[in-house]
């Protein structure tokens, strides 16, 4: 288990930057907006789609960073599950969006194993 410096920097840029921006924006919200944001984030739909995609992406990236193939495969599986559920949810609203989601998830999975 070795950590490559380039992968470490990429990991922190890829996951740290959006996390910091999200936290900063959260603190700018009013109390009612914060409550609504929390309620939206803990909804089942949000957890199964966005939550699985983000969790799977982080785990897969962490597996790549630490050179642990099982961790990378588990993260990719969770990422794929979230992408499939997200595409199904988008299919109900607009079919074109579901295809875009599937293409993005496949690209993200491919990049997880390449980068």
N, C-alpha and C. Protein backbone atom coordinates (compact mmCIF):
# COMPACT_ATOMS: atom_id res chain seq x y z
N UNK A 1 0.85 -1.17 0.00
CA UNK A 1 0.00 0.00 0.00
C UNK A 1 0.90 1.24 0.00
N UNK A 2 1.05 1.82 -1.17
CA UNK A 2 1.86 3.01 -1.29
C UNK A 2 1.00 4.17 -1.78
N UNK A 3 1.39 5.36 -1.39
CA UNK A 3 0.63 6.55 -1.78
C UNK A 3 1.50 7.37 -2.72
N UNK A 4 1.01 7.58 -3.93
CA UNK A 4 1.69 8.39 -4.92
C UNK A 4 1.32 9.85 -4.70
N UNK A 5 2.31 10.73 -4.71
CA UNK A 5 2.07 12.15 -4.43
C UNK A 5 1.12 12.77 -5.46
N UNK A 6 1.28 12.43 -6.73
CA UNK A 6 0.40 12.99 -7.76
C UNK A 6 -1.05 12.57 -7.53
N UNK A 7 -1.25 11.32 -7.15
CA UNK A 7 -2.61 10.85 -6.88
C UNK A 7 -3.18 11.52 -5.64
N UNK A 8 -2.34 11.76 -4.65
CA UNK A 8 -2.79 12.41 -3.43
C UNK A 8 -3.26 13.84 -3.71
N UNK A 9 -2.48 14.57 -4.50
CA UNK A 9 -2.86 15.93 -4.86
C UNK A 9 -4.15 15.93 -5.68
N UNK A 10 -4.25 15.02 -6.64
CA UNK A 10 -5.47 14.92 -7.45
C UNK A 10 -6.68 14.59 -6.59
N UNK A 11 -6.49 13.70 -5.61
CA UNK A 11 -7.59 13.32 -4.71
C UNK A 11 -8.09 14.52 -3.93
N UNK A 12 -7.17 15.30 -3.36
CA UNK A 12 -7.59 16.46 -2.57
C UNK A 12 -8.21 17.55 -3.43
N UNK A 13 -7.72 17.73 -4.64
CA UNK A 13 -8.32 18.72 -5.53
C UNK A 13 -9.71 18.26 -5.97
N UNK A 14 -9.82 16.98 -6.36
CA UNK A 14 -11.08 16.44 -6.86
C UNK A 14 -12.17 16.43 -5.81
N UNK A 15 -11.85 16.05 -4.58
CA UNK A 15 -12.87 15.91 -3.54
C UNK A 15 -12.85 17.04 -2.52
N UNK A 16 -11.71 17.66 -2.30
CA UNK A 16 -11.62 18.72 -1.30
C UNK A 16 -12.23 20.03 -1.74
N UNK A 17 -12.00 20.40 -2.99
CA UNK A 17 -12.51 21.66 -3.50
C UNK A 17 -14.04 21.73 -3.45
N UNK A 18 -14.76 20.75 -4.00
CA UNK A 18 -16.23 20.82 -3.90
C UNK A 18 -16.73 20.75 -2.47
N UNK A 19 -16.04 19.99 -1.63
CA UNK A 19 -16.46 19.89 -0.22
C UNK A 19 -16.34 21.24 0.48
N UNK A 20 -15.23 21.92 0.27
CA UNK A 20 -15.03 23.23 0.90
C UNK A 20 -16.06 24.24 0.39
N UNK A 21 -16.28 24.26 -0.92
CA UNK A 21 -17.26 25.19 -1.48
C UNK A 21 -18.67 24.90 -0.96
N UNK A 22 -19.01 23.62 -0.84
CA UNK A 22 -20.34 23.25 -0.33
C UNK A 22 -20.51 23.70 1.11
N UNK A 23 -19.50 23.51 1.92
CA UNK A 23 -19.57 23.91 3.34
C UNK A 23 -19.70 25.43 3.46
N UNK A 24 -18.91 26.16 2.67
CA UNK A 24 -18.98 27.62 2.70
C UNK A 24 -20.38 28.10 2.29
N UNK A 25 -20.93 27.52 1.23
CA UNK A 25 -22.27 27.92 0.78
C UNK A 25 -23.33 27.53 1.81
N UNK A 26 -23.15 26.41 2.49
CA UNK A 26 -24.12 25.99 3.51
C UNK A 26 -24.18 27.02 4.63
N UNK A 27 -23.03 27.53 5.06
CA UNK A 27 -23.02 28.51 6.15
C UNK A 27 -23.60 29.86 5.72
N UNK A 28 -23.69 30.12 4.44
CA UNK A 28 -24.28 31.36 3.95
C UNK A 28 -25.81 31.31 3.93
N UNK A 29 -26.39 30.11 4.04
CA UNK A 29 -27.84 29.96 3.98
C UNK A 29 -28.52 30.47 5.25
N UNK A 30 -29.78 30.86 5.10
CA UNK A 30 -30.56 31.23 6.28
C UNK A 30 -30.97 29.96 7.02
N UNK A 31 -31.51 30.13 8.22
CA UNK A 31 -31.87 28.97 9.04
C UNK A 31 -32.92 28.09 8.35
N UNK A 32 -33.92 28.70 7.73
CA UNK A 32 -34.95 27.90 7.05
C UNK A 32 -34.37 27.18 5.82
N UNK A 33 -33.48 27.86 5.11
CA UNK A 33 -32.85 27.23 3.95
C UNK A 33 -31.94 26.07 4.38
N UNK A 34 -31.27 26.23 5.53
CA UNK A 34 -30.43 25.14 6.05
C UNK A 34 -31.28 23.93 6.40
N UNK A 35 -32.42 24.17 7.05
CA UNK A 35 -33.32 23.06 7.39
C UNK A 35 -33.84 22.36 6.15
N UNK A 36 -34.19 23.13 5.13
CA UNK A 36 -34.68 22.55 3.88
C UNK A 36 -33.57 21.75 3.19
N UNK A 37 -32.35 22.27 3.20
CA UNK A 37 -31.23 21.57 2.58
C UNK A 37 -30.95 20.25 3.29
N UNK A 38 -30.98 20.26 4.61
CA UNK A 38 -30.77 19.03 5.37
C UNK A 38 -31.88 18.03 5.10
N UNK A 39 -33.12 18.50 5.06
CA UNK A 39 -34.25 17.62 4.79
C UNK A 39 -34.12 16.99 3.40
N UNK A 40 -33.67 17.78 2.42
CA UNK A 40 -33.47 17.24 1.07
C UNK A 40 -32.34 16.22 1.03
N UNK A 41 -31.26 16.49 1.76
CA UNK A 41 -30.11 15.59 1.75
C UNK A 41 -30.36 14.26 2.44
N UNK A 42 -31.25 14.25 3.43
CA UNK A 42 -31.50 12.99 4.13
C UNK A 42 -32.71 12.24 3.57
N UNK A 43 -33.24 12.72 2.46
CA UNK A 43 -34.35 11.99 1.83
C UNK A 43 -33.80 10.72 1.18
N UNK A 44 -34.63 9.72 1.09
CA UNK A 44 -34.22 8.43 0.54
C UNK A 44 -33.74 8.57 -0.91
N UNK A 45 -34.44 9.36 -1.69
CA UNK A 45 -34.06 9.56 -3.09
C UNK A 45 -32.66 10.16 -3.21
N UNK A 46 -32.36 11.15 -2.38
CA UNK A 46 -31.06 11.79 -2.41
C UNK A 46 -29.95 10.84 -1.96
N UNK A 47 -30.23 10.06 -0.93
CA UNK A 47 -29.22 9.13 -0.42
C UNK A 47 -28.91 8.06 -1.46
N UNK A 48 -29.95 7.50 -2.07
CA UNK A 48 -29.75 6.39 -3.01
C UNK A 48 -29.12 6.86 -4.32
N UNK A 49 -29.35 8.08 -4.74
CA UNK A 49 -28.77 8.54 -6.00
C UNK A 49 -27.47 9.30 -5.74
N UNK A 50 -27.57 10.52 -5.30
CA UNK A 50 -26.39 11.37 -5.10
C UNK A 50 -25.46 10.80 -4.03
N UNK A 51 -26.03 10.30 -2.95
CA UNK A 51 -25.21 9.75 -1.87
C UNK A 51 -24.38 8.57 -2.32
N UNK A 52 -24.99 7.64 -3.06
CA UNK A 52 -24.25 6.48 -3.56
C UNK A 52 -23.19 6.90 -4.58
N UNK A 53 -23.53 7.85 -5.44
CA UNK A 53 -22.57 8.30 -6.45
C UNK A 53 -21.36 8.94 -5.77
N UNK A 54 -21.59 9.83 -4.83
CA UNK A 54 -20.48 10.50 -4.14
C UNK A 54 -19.68 9.53 -3.28
N UNK A 55 -20.37 8.69 -2.51
CA UNK A 55 -19.68 7.73 -1.65
C UNK A 55 -18.87 6.75 -2.49
N UNK A 56 -19.46 6.23 -3.55
CA UNK A 56 -18.74 5.31 -4.42
C UNK A 56 -17.55 5.97 -5.08
N UNK A 57 -17.72 7.22 -5.51
CA UNK A 57 -16.60 7.94 -6.12
C UNK A 57 -15.46 8.17 -5.16
N UNK A 58 -15.78 8.54 -3.93
CA UNK A 58 -14.73 8.76 -2.92
C UNK A 58 -14.03 7.45 -2.59
N UNK A 59 -14.79 6.38 -2.39
CA UNK A 59 -14.19 5.08 -2.05
C UNK A 59 -13.32 4.58 -3.20
N UNK A 60 -13.81 4.70 -4.43
CA UNK A 60 -13.02 4.26 -5.59
C UNK A 60 -11.75 5.09 -5.74
N UNK A 61 -11.85 6.39 -5.53
CA UNK A 61 -10.67 7.26 -5.61
C UNK A 61 -9.69 6.94 -4.49
N UNK A 62 -10.22 6.65 -3.31
CA UNK A 62 -9.36 6.29 -2.19
C UNK A 62 -8.67 4.95 -2.46
N UNK A 63 -9.39 4.01 -3.05
CA UNK A 63 -8.78 2.73 -3.43
C UNK A 63 -7.68 2.92 -4.45
N UNK A 64 -7.90 3.83 -5.39
CA UNK A 64 -6.87 4.14 -6.40
C UNK A 64 -5.68 4.82 -5.74
N UNK A 65 -5.95 5.73 -4.82
CA UNK A 65 -4.89 6.45 -4.12
C UNK A 65 -4.01 5.50 -3.32
N UNK A 66 -4.64 4.57 -2.62
CA UNK A 66 -3.91 3.64 -1.75
C UNK A 66 -3.48 2.37 -2.48
N UNK A 67 -3.76 2.28 -3.77
CA UNK A 67 -3.44 1.11 -4.59
C UNK A 67 -4.07 -0.16 -4.03
N UNK A 68 -5.32 -0.06 -3.60
CA UNK A 68 -6.07 -1.20 -3.09
C UNK A 68 -7.19 -1.52 -4.08
N UNK A 69 -6.97 -2.53 -4.90
CA UNK A 69 -7.95 -2.87 -5.93
C UNK A 69 -9.31 -3.26 -5.36
N UNK A 70 -9.38 -4.04 -4.26
CA UNK A 70 -10.72 -4.37 -3.72
C UNK A 70 -11.52 -3.14 -3.31
N UNK A 71 -10.86 -2.16 -2.70
CA UNK A 71 -11.54 -0.93 -2.30
C UNK A 71 -12.02 -0.16 -3.54
N UNK A 72 -11.20 -0.16 -4.56
CA UNK A 72 -11.56 0.52 -5.80
C UNK A 72 -12.76 -0.16 -6.47
N UNK A 73 -12.79 -1.48 -6.46
CA UNK A 73 -13.90 -2.22 -7.07
C UNK A 73 -15.19 -2.00 -6.28
N UNK A 74 -15.11 -2.03 -4.95
CA UNK A 74 -16.29 -1.79 -4.11
C UNK A 74 -16.84 -0.39 -4.37
N UNK A 75 -15.96 0.60 -4.41
CA UNK A 75 -16.38 1.97 -4.68
C UNK A 75 -17.02 2.11 -6.06
N UNK A 76 -16.45 1.43 -7.04
CA UNK A 76 -17.00 1.48 -8.39
C UNK A 76 -18.38 0.84 -8.43
N UNK A 77 -18.56 -0.26 -7.70
CA UNK A 77 -19.87 -0.93 -7.65
C UNK A 77 -20.92 0.00 -7.03
N UNK A 78 -20.57 0.67 -5.92
CA UNK A 78 -21.51 1.60 -5.28
C UNK A 78 -21.82 2.77 -6.22
N UNK A 79 -20.79 3.26 -6.89
CA UNK A 79 -20.96 4.34 -7.86
C UNK A 79 -21.90 3.93 -8.99
N UNK A 80 -21.73 2.72 -9.50
CA UNK A 80 -22.59 2.23 -10.58
C UNK A 80 -24.03 2.08 -10.10
N UNK A 81 -24.22 1.57 -8.88
CA UNK A 81 -25.58 1.44 -8.34
C UNK A 81 -26.26 2.80 -8.26
N UNK A 82 -25.56 3.79 -7.74
CA UNK A 82 -26.13 5.13 -7.65
C UNK A 82 -26.43 5.72 -9.01
N UNK A 83 -25.55 5.47 -9.98
CA UNK A 83 -25.79 5.97 -11.33
C UNK A 83 -26.98 5.33 -11.99
N UNK A 84 -27.14 4.03 -11.79
CA UNK A 84 -28.28 3.33 -12.38
C UNK A 84 -29.59 3.83 -11.77
N UNK A 85 -29.62 3.96 -10.45
CA UNK A 85 -30.83 4.45 -9.78
C UNK A 85 -31.11 5.90 -10.21
N UNK A 86 -30.05 6.71 -10.31
CA UNK A 86 -30.23 8.09 -10.76
C UNK A 86 -30.77 8.16 -12.18
N UNK A 87 -30.28 7.27 -13.05
CA UNK A 87 -30.77 7.25 -14.43
C UNK A 87 -32.23 6.81 -14.48
N UNK A 88 -32.60 5.85 -13.65
CA UNK A 88 -34.01 5.41 -13.60
C UNK A 88 -34.90 6.55 -13.12
N UNK A 89 -34.45 7.27 -12.09
CA UNK A 89 -35.23 8.41 -11.59
C UNK A 89 -35.36 9.49 -12.66
N UNK A 90 -34.27 9.76 -13.39
CA UNK A 90 -34.30 10.78 -14.44
C UNK A 90 -35.16 10.32 -15.61
N UNK A 91 -35.19 9.01 -15.87
CA UNK A 91 -35.99 8.47 -16.97
C UNK A 91 -37.46 8.80 -16.79
N UNK A 92 -37.91 8.82 -15.53
CA UNK A 92 -39.32 9.12 -15.24
C UNK A 92 -39.67 10.56 -15.63
N UNK A 93 -38.69 11.45 -15.51
CA UNK A 93 -38.93 12.87 -15.78
C UNK A 93 -38.61 13.21 -17.24
N UNK A 94 -37.39 12.88 -17.66
CA UNK A 94 -36.95 13.23 -19.01
C UNK A 94 -35.94 12.18 -19.48
N UNK A 95 -36.25 11.51 -20.55
CA UNK A 95 -35.43 10.39 -21.02
C UNK A 95 -34.02 10.83 -21.44
N UNK A 96 -33.89 12.00 -22.01
CA UNK A 96 -32.59 12.48 -22.46
C UNK A 96 -31.63 12.64 -21.28
N UNK A 97 -32.14 13.13 -20.16
CA UNK A 97 -31.30 13.31 -18.97
C UNK A 97 -30.78 11.98 -18.45
N UNK A 98 -31.57 10.92 -18.55
CA UNK A 98 -31.12 9.62 -18.06
C UNK A 98 -29.95 9.10 -18.88
N UNK A 99 -29.96 9.35 -20.17
CA UNK A 99 -28.85 8.93 -21.03
C UNK A 99 -27.60 9.73 -20.67
N UNK A 100 -27.75 11.01 -20.43
CA UNK A 100 -26.62 11.84 -20.02
C UNK A 100 -26.03 11.34 -18.71
N UNK A 101 -26.88 10.99 -17.76
CA UNK A 101 -26.41 10.48 -16.47
C UNK A 101 -25.64 9.19 -16.66
N UNK A 102 -26.16 8.28 -17.47
CA UNK A 102 -25.46 7.02 -17.71
C UNK A 102 -24.10 7.24 -18.37
N UNK A 103 -24.02 8.16 -19.33
CA UNK A 103 -22.75 8.45 -19.99
C UNK A 103 -21.76 9.04 -18.98
N UNK A 104 -22.21 9.94 -18.13
CA UNK A 104 -21.33 10.53 -17.12
C UNK A 104 -20.84 9.49 -16.12
N UNK A 105 -21.71 8.58 -15.70
CA UNK A 105 -21.32 7.55 -14.74
C UNK A 105 -20.31 6.60 -15.37
N UNK A 106 -20.54 6.19 -16.61
CA UNK A 106 -19.59 5.31 -17.29
C UNK A 106 -18.25 6.02 -17.45
N UNK A 107 -18.27 7.30 -17.78
CA UNK A 107 -17.03 8.07 -17.89
C UNK A 107 -16.31 8.16 -16.55
N UNK A 108 -17.08 8.38 -15.49
CA UNK A 108 -16.49 8.47 -14.15
C UNK A 108 -15.86 7.15 -13.74
N UNK A 109 -16.53 6.04 -14.05
CA UNK A 109 -15.98 4.72 -13.73
C UNK A 109 -14.70 4.48 -14.53
N UNK A 110 -14.71 4.83 -15.81
CA UNK A 110 -13.52 4.65 -16.64
C UNK A 110 -12.36 5.50 -16.11
N UNK A 111 -12.64 6.74 -15.74
CA UNK A 111 -11.58 7.60 -15.22
C UNK A 111 -11.07 7.13 -13.87
N UNK A 112 -11.92 6.48 -13.09
CA UNK A 112 -11.49 5.96 -11.80
C UNK A 112 -10.39 4.92 -11.98
N UNK A 113 -10.48 4.12 -13.01
CA UNK A 113 -9.48 3.09 -13.24
C UNK A 113 -8.28 3.59 -14.03
N UNK A 114 -8.42 4.73 -14.71
CA UNK A 114 -7.32 5.25 -15.52
C UNK A 114 -6.48 6.25 -14.75
N UNK A 115 -7.12 7.21 -14.10
CA UNK A 115 -6.38 8.29 -13.43
C UNK A 115 -5.82 7.81 -12.12
